[in-house]
Structures are given as structure tokens and as C-alpha cells.
């Protein structure tokens, strides 16, 4: 299933309320982006951090 830009933006909107409790050192991506990727991965069947990471390496973001 492809996610069009409008759908992706509407999915990210509710995630903007999540507080970012990470330390500033090493942050590369926003908490919204990280959360959205994790949610998509879990919807595809990932159950652990490692499987989320593996899915993220395989998927193509455009």
C-alpha cells in the first residue's frame, strides 16, 4: 500500500503533541518522524526495536 503525501501529513499531525524527552546529543530526526516510522513498521508486523530497525532499512522513503 502506498501512502500519499496528504495521508502522511494527516497521520503525522496527531503525533506533534508527543513530548521529545531525548537528549539533544545525537538527535537526527524529529520525534514525529521517528514515531511515524515506528507506527508504520508495527502495522506491518514488527514487534521489537530490532525488527523496526530492519524494516526501516528495507523501506524506501520518497
C-alpha atoms as a PDB file:
ATOM      1  CA  UNK A   1       0.000   0.000   0.000  1.00  0.00           C
ATOM      2  CA  UNK A   2       1.350   3.411  -0.928  1.00  0.00           C
ATOM      3  CA  UNK A   3       0.863   6.360   1.345  1.00  0.00           C
ATOM      4  CA  UNK A   4       0.342   9.607  -0.485  1.00  0.00           C
ATOM      5  CA  UNK A   5       1.773  12.878   0.845  1.00  0.00           C
ATOM      6  CA  UNK A   6      -1.584  14.196   2.091  1.00  0.00           C
ATOM      7  CA  UNK A   7      -2.241  10.978   4.035  1.00  0.00           C
ATOM      8  CA  UNK A   8       1.256  11.012   5.508  1.00  0.00           C
ATOM      9  CA  UNK A   9       0.847  14.598   6.702  1.00  0.00           C
ATOM     10  CA  UNK A  10      -2.522  13.860   8.313  1.00  0.00           C
ATOM     11  CA  UNK A  11      -1.003  10.851  10.093  1.00  0.00           C
ATOM     12  CA  UNK A  12       1.828  12.959  11.492  1.00  0.00           C
ATOM     13  CA  UNK A  13      -0.446  15.735  12.805  1.00  0.00           C
ATOM     14  CA  UNK A  14      -1.635  13.902  15.977  1.00  0.00           C
ATOM     15  CA  UNK A  15       1.962  12.896  16.753  1.00  0.00           C
ATOM     16  CA  UNK A  16       3.054  16.518  17.128  1.00  0.00           C
ATOM     17  CA  UNK A  17       1.805  16.512  20.731  1.00  0.00           C
ATOM     18  CA  UNK A  18       4.327  13.862  21.817  1.00  0.00           C
ATOM     19  CA  UNK A  19       6.996  15.449  24.024  1.00  0.00           C
ATOM     20  CA  UNK A  20      10.576  14.780  22.937  1.00  0.00           C
ATOM     21  CA  UNK A  21      12.400  13.561  26.046  1.00  0.00           C
ATOM     22  CA  UNK A  22      15.574  12.563  24.214  1.00  0.00           C
ATOM     23  CA  UNK A  23      18.857  14.265  24.954  1.00  0.00           C
ATOM     24  CA  UNK A  24      19.999  16.748  22.303  1.00  0.00           C
ATOM     25  CA  UNK A  25      23.175  14.779  21.575  1.00  0.00           C
ATOM     26  CA  UNK A  26      22.761  12.505  18.583  1.00  0.00           C
ATOM     27  CA  UNK A  27      19.275  13.630  17.510  1.00  0.00           C
ATOM     28  CA  UNK A  28      18.953  13.298  13.750  1.00  0.00           C
ATOM     29  CA  UNK A  29      15.215  13.070  13.224  1.00  0.00           C
ATOM     30  CA  UNK A  30      12.204  14.648  14.880  1.00  0.00           C
ATOM     31  CA  UNK A  31      10.209  12.648  17.395  1.00  0.00           C
ATOM     32  CA  UNK A  32       7.261  12.908  14.977  1.00  0.00           C
ATOM     33  CA  UNK A  33       9.230  11.237  12.177  1.00  0.00           C
ATOM     34  CA  UNK A  34      10.624   8.508  14.436  1.00  0.00           C
ATOM     35  CA  UNK A  35       7.155   7.802  15.866  1.00  0.00           C
ATOM     36  CA  UNK A  36       5.510   7.690  12.427  1.00  0.00           C
ATOM     37  CA  UNK A  37       8.119   5.263  11.113  1.00  0.00           C
ATOM     38  CA  UNK A  38       7.763   3.040  14.188  1.00  0.00           C
ATOM     39  CA  UNK A  39       3.968   3.001  13.859  1.00  0.00           C
ATOM     40  CA  UNK A  40       4.127   2.097  10.158  1.00  0.00           C
ATOM     41  CA  UNK A  41       6.594  -0.668  10.921  1.00  0.00           C
ATOM     42  CA  UNK A  42       4.382  -2.074  13.682  1.00  0.00           C
ATOM     43  CA  UNK A  43       1.382  -2.003  11.350  1.00  0.00           C
ATOM     44  CA  UNK A  44       3.467  -4.174   9.015  1.00  0.00           C
ATOM     45  CA  UNK A  45       4.075  -6.678  11.827  1.00  0.00           C
ATOM     46  CA  UNK A  46       7.208  -5.503  13.645  1.00  0.00           C
ATOM     47  CA  UNK A  47       7.129  -6.299  17.353  1.00  0.00           C
ATOM     48  CA  UNK A  48      10.598  -5.353  18.603  1.00  0.00           C
ATOM     49  CA  UNK A  49      13.035  -2.461  18.208  1.00  0.00           C
ATOM     50  CA  UNK A  50      15.316  -4.605  16.083  1.00  0.00           C
ATOM     51  CA  UNK A  51      12.559  -5.539  13.635  1.00  0.00           C
ATOM     52  CA  UNK A  52      11.523  -1.865  13.377  1.00  0.00           C
ATOM     53  CA  UNK A  53      15.142  -1.018  12.524  1.00  0.00           C
ATOM     54  CA  UNK A  54      15.310  -3.804   9.925  1.00  0.00           C
ATOM     55  CA  UNK A  55      12.049  -2.675   8.298  1.00  0.00           C
ATOM     56  CA  UNK A  56      13.273   0.924   8.228  1.00  0.00           C
ATOM     57  CA  UNK A  57      16.418  -0.138   6.363  1.00  0.00           C
ATOM     58  CA  UNK A  58      14.365  -2.010   3.744  1.00  0.00           C
ATOM     59  CA  UNK A  59      11.583   0.507   3.083  1.00  0.00           C
ATOM     60  CA  UNK A  60      12.074   3.227   0.516  1.00  0.00           C
ATOM     61  CA  UNK A  61      11.083   6.724   1.611  1.00  0.00           C
ATOM     62  CA  UNK A  62      10.388   9.173  -1.193  1.00  0.00           C
END
